PDB file of N, CA and C in Angstrom:
ATOM      1  N   MET A   1       7.522   8.537 -14.962  1.00  0.00           N
ATOM      2  CA  MET A   1       9.210   8.084 -14.729  1.00  0.00           C
ATOM      3  C   MET A   1       8.867   8.266 -12.814  1.00  0.00           C
ATOM      4  N   ILE A   2      10.074   7.361 -12.557  1.00  0.00           N
ATOM      5  CA  ILE A   2      10.301   6.979 -11.133  1.00  0.00           C
ATOM      6  C   ILE A   2      11.513   7.645 -10.643  1.00  0.00           C
ATOM      7  N   LYS A   3      11.506   8.168  -9.268  1.00  0.00           N
ATOM      8  CA  LYS A   3      12.272   9.176  -9.108  1.00  0.00           C
ATOM      9  C   LYS A   3      13.168   7.647  -8.505  1.00  0.00           C
ATOM     10  N   LYS A   4      14.677   8.556  -8.534  1.00  0.00           N
ATOM     11  CA  LYS A   4      15.798   7.650  -7.978  1.00  0.00           C
ATOM     12  C   LYS A   4      15.776   7.546  -6.578  1.00  0.00           C
ATOM     13  N   GLU A   5      14.939   8.442  -5.528  1.00  0.00           N
ATOM     14  CA  GLU A   5      15.367   8.670  -4.210  1.00  0.00           C
ATOM     15  C   GLU A   5      14.171   7.590  -3.614  1.00  0.00           C
ATOM     16  N   ILE A   6      12.884   7.508  -4.500  1.00  0.00           N
ATOM     17  CA  ILE A   6      11.508   6.453  -4.178  1.00  0.00           C
ATOM     18  C   ILE A   6      12.642   4.843  -4.739  1.00  0.00           C
ATOM     19  N   VAL A   7      13.151   4.576  -5.206  1.00  0.00           N
ATOM     20  CA  VAL A   7      14.127   3.425  -5.806  1.00  0.00           C
ATOM     21  C   VAL A   7      14.713   3.239  -4.445  1.00  0.00           C
ATOM     22  N   GLN A   8      15.722   4.217  -3.994  1.00  0.00           N
ATOM     23  CA  GLN A   8      16.521   3.935  -3.230  1.00  0.00           C
ATOM     24  C   GLN A   8      15.724   3.574  -1.347  1.00  0.00           C
ATOM     25  N   ASN A   9      14.708   4.514  -1.257  1.00  0.00           N
ATOM     26  CA  ASN A   9      13.920   3.958  -0.115  1.00  0.00           C
ATOM     27  C   ASN A   9      13.392   2.681  -0.262  1.00  0.00           C
ATOM     28  N   ALA A  10      13.325   2.328  -1.584  1.00  0.00           N
ATOM     29  CA  ALA A  10      12.457   0.734  -1.922  1.00  0.00           C
ATOM     30  C   ALA A  10      13.689   0.113  -1.132  1.00  0.00           C
ATOM     31  N   LEU A  11      14.710  -0.037  -1.841  1.00  0.00           N
ATOM     32  CA  LEU A  11      15.644  -1.031  -1.496  1.00  0.00           C
ATOM     33  C   LEU A  11      16.128  -0.623  -0.176  1.00  0.00           C
ATOM     34  N   ASN A  12      16.202  -0.108   0.482  1.00  0.00           N
ATOM     35  CA  ASN A  12      16.276   0.195   1.923  1.00  0.00           C
ATOM     36  C   ASN A  12      15.191  -0.495   2.937  1.00  0.00           C
ATOM     37  N   GLU A  13      13.847  -0.503   2.399  1.00  0.00           N
ATOM     38  CA  GLU A  13      13.187  -1.559   3.246  1.00  0.00           C
ATOM     39  C   GLU A  13      13.238  -2.919   3.073  1.00  0.00           C
ATOM     40  N   PHE A  14      14.125  -3.316   1.859  1.00  0.00           N
ATOM     41  CA  PHE A  14      14.233  -4.776   1.803  1.00  0.00           C
ATOM     42  C   PHE A  14      15.008  -5.402   2.895  1.00  0.00           C
ATOM     43  N   PRO A  15      14.937  -6.647   2.762  1.00  0.00           N
ATOM     44  CA  PRO A  15      16.201  -7.679   3.751  1.00  0.00           C
ATOM     45  C   PRO A  15      17.397  -7.635   2.622  1.00  0.00           C
ATOM     46  N   GLU A  16      18.092  -8.138   3.362  1.00  0.00           N
ATOM     47  CA  GLU A  16      19.587  -8.269   2.755  1.00  0.00           C
ATOM     48  C   GLU A  16      19.354  -9.048   1.444  1.00  0.00           C
ATOM     49  N   GLU A  17      18.334 -10.390   1.231  1.00  0.00           N
ATOM     50  CA  GLU A  17      18.417 -11.097   0.323  1.00  0.00           C
ATOM     51  C   GLU A  17      16.794 -11.098  -0.087  1.00  0.00           C
ATOM     52  N   PHE A  18      16.389 -10.731  -1.171  1.00  0.00           N
ATOM     53  CA  PHE A  18      15.050 -10.786  -2.013  1.00  0.00           C
ATOM     54  C   PHE A  18      15.343 -10.999  -3.672  1.00  0.00           C
ATOM     55  N   SER A  19      14.425 -11.549  -3.691  1.00  0.00           N
ATOM     56  CA  SER A  19      14.065 -11.938  -5.209  1.00  0.00           C
ATOM     57  C   SER A  19      14.174 -10.154  -6.151  1.00  0.00           C
ATOM     58  N   ILE A  20      14.697 -10.188  -7.321  1.00  0.00           N
ATOM     59  CA  ILE A  20      13.954  -9.368  -8.364  1.00  0.00           C
ATOM     60  C   ILE A  20      12.684  -9.424  -8.391  1.00  0.00           C
ATOM     61  N   ASP A  21      11.935 -10.206  -8.487  1.00  0.00           N
ATOM     62  CA  ASP A  21      10.580 -10.589  -8.406  1.00  0.00           C
ATOM     63  C   ASP A  21       9.604  -9.164  -7.957  1.00  0.00           C
ATOM     64  N   GLU A  22      10.647  -9.520  -6.530  1.00  0.00           N
ATOM     65  CA  GLU A  22       9.651  -8.987  -5.149  1.00  0.00           C
ATOM     66  C   GLU A  22      10.096  -7.355  -5.217  1.00  0.00           C
ATOM     67  N   LEU A  23      11.438  -7.023  -5.747  1.00  0.00           N
ATOM     68  CA  LEU A  23      11.718  -5.535  -5.915  1.00  0.00           C
ATOM     69  C   LEU A  23      10.823  -4.974  -7.303  1.00  0.00           C
ATOM     70  N   LEU A  24      10.642  -5.922  -8.241  1.00  0.00           N
ATOM     71  CA  LEU A  24      10.034  -5.445  -9.230  1.00  0.00           C
ATOM     72  C   LEU A  24       8.596  -5.144  -8.863  1.00  0.00           C
ATOM     73  N   ASP A  25       7.892  -6.081  -8.388  1.00  0.00           N
ATOM     74  CA  ASP A  25       6.451  -5.797  -7.643  1.00  0.00           C
ATOM     75  C   ASP A  25       6.357  -4.455  -7.152  1.00  0.00           C
ATOM     76  N   ARG A  26       7.554  -4.266  -5.946  1.00  0.00           N
ATOM     77  CA  ARG A  26       7.149  -2.899  -5.536  1.00  0.00           C
ATOM     78  C   ARG A  26       7.577  -1.687  -5.959  1.00  0.00           C
ATOM     79  N   LEU A  27       8.412  -1.779  -6.923  1.00  0.00           N
ATOM     80  CA  LEU A  27       8.608  -0.545  -7.963  1.00  0.00           C
ATOM     81  C   LEU A  27       7.500  -0.410  -8.847  1.00  0.00           C
ATOM     82  N   ILE A  28       7.137  -1.325  -9.216  1.00  0.00           N
ATOM     83  CA  ILE A  28       5.802  -1.144 -10.279  1.00  0.00           C
ATOM     84  C   ILE A  28       4.558  -0.335  -9.085  1.00  0.00           C
ATOM     85  N   LEU A  29       4.335  -1.492  -7.880  1.00  0.00           N
ATOM     86  CA  LEU A  29       3.441  -0.435  -7.108  1.00  0.00           C
ATOM     87  C   LEU A  29       3.705   1.221  -6.947  1.00  0.00           C
ATOM     88  N   LEU A  30       5.096   1.363  -6.586  1.00  0.00           N
ATOM     89  CA  LEU A  30       5.256   2.815  -6.214  1.00  0.00           C
ATOM     90  C   LEU A  30       5.202   3.672  -7.241  1.00  0.00           C
ATOM     91  N   GLN A  31       5.462   3.015  -8.965  1.00  0.00           N
ATOM     92  CA  GLN A  31       5.345   3.714  -9.621  1.00  0.00           C
ATOM     93  C   GLN A  31       3.772   4.446  -9.923  1.00  0.00           C
ATOM     94  N   LYS A  32       2.811   3.261 -10.232  1.00  0.00           N
ATOM     95  CA  LYS A  32       1.314   3.732 -10.324  1.00  0.00           C
ATOM     96  C   LYS A  32       0.951   4.739  -9.481  1.00  0.00           C
ATOM     97  N   ILE A  33       1.308   4.254  -7.593  1.00  0.00           N
ATOM     98  CA  ILE A  33       1.017   5.314  -6.813  1.00  0.00           C
ATOM     99  C   ILE A  33       1.289   6.448  -7.087  1.00  0.00           C
ATOM    100  N   GLN A  34       2.361   6.765  -7.861  1.00  0.00           N
ATOM    101  CA  GLN A  34       3.164   8.311  -7.973  1.00  0.00           C
ATOM    102  C   GLN A  34       1.794   8.927  -9.301  1.00  0.00           C
ATOM    103  N   THR A  35       2.216   7.593 -10.239  1.00  0.00           N
ATOM    104  CA  THR A  35       1.354   8.158 -11.300  1.00  0.00           C
ATOM    105  C   THR A  35      -0.292   8.669 -10.809  1.00  0.00           C
ATOM    106  N   GLY A  36      -0.737   7.995 -10.133  1.00  0.00           N
ATOM    107  CA  GLY A  36      -2.160   8.214  -9.628  1.00  0.00           C
ATOM    108  C   GLY A  36      -2.244   9.536  -8.596  1.00  0.00           C
ATOM    109  N   LEU A  37      -0.933  10.069  -8.060  1.00  0.00           N
ATOM    110  CA  LEU A  37      -0.924  11.042  -7.266  1.00  0.00           C
ATOM    111  C   LEU A  37      -0.989  12.654  -8.506  1.00  0.00           C
ATOM    112  N   GLU A  38      -0.018  12.010  -9.295  1.00  0.00           N
ATOM    113  CA  GLU A  38       0.378  12.873 -10.206  1.00  0.00           C
ATOM    114  C   GLU A  38      -1.183  13.608 -11.243  1.00  0.00           C
ATOM    115  N   GLN A  39      -1.523  12.339 -11.354  1.00  0.00           N
ATOM    116  CA  GLN A  39      -3.374  12.632 -12.489  1.00  0.00           C
ATOM    117  C   GLN A  39      -4.631  12.962 -11.080  1.00  0.00           C
ATOM    118  N   SER A  40      -4.079  12.898  -9.919  1.00  0.00           N
ATOM    119  CA  SER A  40      -4.604  13.739  -9.019  1.00  0.00           C
ATOM    120  C   SER A  40      -4.629  15.290  -8.705  1.00  0.00           C
ATOM    121  N   LYS A  41      -3.324  15.405  -8.737  1.00  0.00           N
ATOM    122  CA  LYS A  41      -2.987  16.773  -8.466  1.00  0.00           C
ATOM    123  C   LYS A  41      -3.232  17.734  -9.855  1.00  0.00           C
ATOM    124  N   ASN A  42      -3.196  17.179 -11.112  1.00  0.00           N
ATOM    125  CA  ASN A  42      -3.503  17.681 -12.166  1.00  0.00           C
ATOM    126  C   ASN A  42      -5.121  17.455 -12.742  1.00  0.00           C
ATOM    127  N   ASN A  43      -5.646  17.344 -11.639  1.00  0.00           N
ATOM    128  CA  ASN A  43      -7.178  17.145 -12.083  1.00  0.00           C
ATOM    129  C   ASN A  43      -7.682  16.105 -12.899  1.00  0.00           C
ATOM    130  N   HIS A  44      -6.776  15.380 -13.531  1.00  0.00           N
ATOM    131  CA  HIS A  44      -7.401  14.159 -14.337  1.00  0.00           C
ATOM    132  C   HIS A  44      -7.844  12.722 -13.852  1.00  0.00           C
ATOM    133  N   VAL A  45      -8.863  13.048 -13.123  1.00  0.00           N
ATOM    134  CA  VAL A  45      -9.909  12.725 -12.329  1.00  0.00           C
ATOM    135  C   VAL A  45     -11.429  12.198 -12.973  1.00  0.00           C
ATOM    136  N   ILE A  46     -11.777  11.187 -12.613  1.00  0.00           N
ATOM    137  CA  ILE A  46     -13.631  10.771 -12.935  1.00  0.00           C
ATOM    138  C   ILE A  46     -14.289  10.836 -11.802  1.00  0.00           C
ATOM    139  N   SER A  47     -15.101  11.254 -12.009  1.00  0.00           N
ATOM    140  CA  SER A  47     -16.476  11.172 -10.739  1.00  0.00           C
ATOM    141  C   SER A  47     -16.775  10.045 -10.471  1.00  0.00           C
ATOM    142  N   ASN A  48     -17.329   9.556  -9.548  1.00  0.00           N
ATOM    143  CA  ASN A  48     -17.794   9.040  -8.916  1.00  0.00           C
ATOM    144  C   ASN A  48     -19.210   7.920  -9.653  1.00  0.00           C
ATOM    145  N   GLU A  49     -19.554   9.085 -10.442  1.00  0.00           N
ATOM    146  CA  GLU A  49     -20.993   8.350 -11.358  1.00  0.00           C
ATOM    147  C   GLU A  49     -20.452   8.138 -12.534  1.00  0.00           C
ATOM    148  N   ASP A  50     -19.462   8.927 -13.183  1.00  0.00           N
ATOM    149  CA  ASP A  50     -18.439   8.418 -14.219  1.00  0.00           C
ATOM    150  C   ASP A  50     -18.186   6.974 -14.175  1.00  0.00           C
ATOM    151  N   ALA A  51     -17.641   6.418 -12.786  1.00  0.00           N
ATOM    152  CA  ALA A  51     -16.774   5.483 -12.844  1.00  0.00           C
ATOM    153  C   ALA A  51     -17.750   4.247 -12.572  1.00  0.00           C
ATOM    154  N   LYS A  52     -19.144   4.963 -11.761  1.00  0.00           N
ATOM    155  CA  LYS A  52     -20.264   3.815 -12.025  1.00  0.00           C
ATOM    156  C   LYS A  52     -21.013   2.953 -13.143  1.00  0.00           C
ATOM    157  N   VAL A  53     -21.017   4.401 -14.222  1.00  0.00           N
ATOM    158  CA  VAL A  53     -21.472   3.908 -15.336  1.00  0.00           C
ATOM    159  C   VAL A  53     -20.307   3.011 -15.685  1.00  0.00           C
ATOM    160  N   ARG A  54     -18.540   3.418 -15.776  1.00  0.00           N
ATOM    161  CA  ARG A  54     -17.939   2.859 -16.613  1.00  0.00           C
ATOM    162  C   ARG A  54     -18.187   0.998 -16.100  1.00  0.00           C
ATOM    163  N   MET A  55     -17.886   1.081 -14.576  1.00  0.00           N
ATOM    164  CA  MET A  55     -18.112  -0.073 -14.399  1.00  0.00           C
ATOM    165  C   MET A  55     -19.501  -1.343 -14.424  1.00  0.00           C
ATOM    166  N   ALA A  56     -20.550  -0.775 -14.683  1.00  0.00           N
ATOM    167  CA  ALA A  56     -21.880  -1.080 -15.130  1.00  0.00           C
ATOM    168  C   ALA A  56     -21.560  -1.930 -16.510  1.00  0.00           C
ATOM    169  N   LYS A  57     -21.091  -0.790 -17.687  1.00  0.00           N
ATOM    170  CA  LYS A  57     -20.811  -1.421 -18.479  1.00  0.00           C
ATOM    171  C   LYS A  57     -19.384  -2.743 -18.629  1.00  0.00           C
ATOM    172  N   TRP A  58     -18.473  -2.391 -17.888  1.00  0.00           N
ATOM    173  CA  TRP A  58     -17.816  -3.780 -17.759  1.00  0.00           C
ATOM    174  C   TRP A  58     -18.372  -5.056 -17.076  1.00  0.00           C
ATOM    175  N   LEU A  59     -19.140  -4.637 -16.247  1.00  0.00           N
ATOM    176  CA  LEU A  59     -19.817  -5.677 -15.554  1.00  0.00           C
ATOM    177  C   LEU A  59     -21.116  -6.577 -16.483  1.00  0.00           C
ATOM    178  N   LYS A  60     -21.074  -5.905 -17.337  1.00  0.00           N
ATOM    179  CA  LYS A  60     -22.164  -6.940 -18.490  1.00  0.00           C
ATOM    180  C   LYS A  60     -21.821  -7.857 -19.013  1.00  0.00           C
TER     181      LYS A  60
END
């Protein structure tokens, strides 16, 4: 979930006129950043070595 304060701050950064697509893109980005920070805080991360192994499988 994204906090109302984050949405309000994002809206305040936009010009007077903008497209809904621009707003949605920004909100999605902010939510993904927030999710990543929460995952990091809760130690739900993978090591660089694990990431390299996963990437090698994807790139085959």
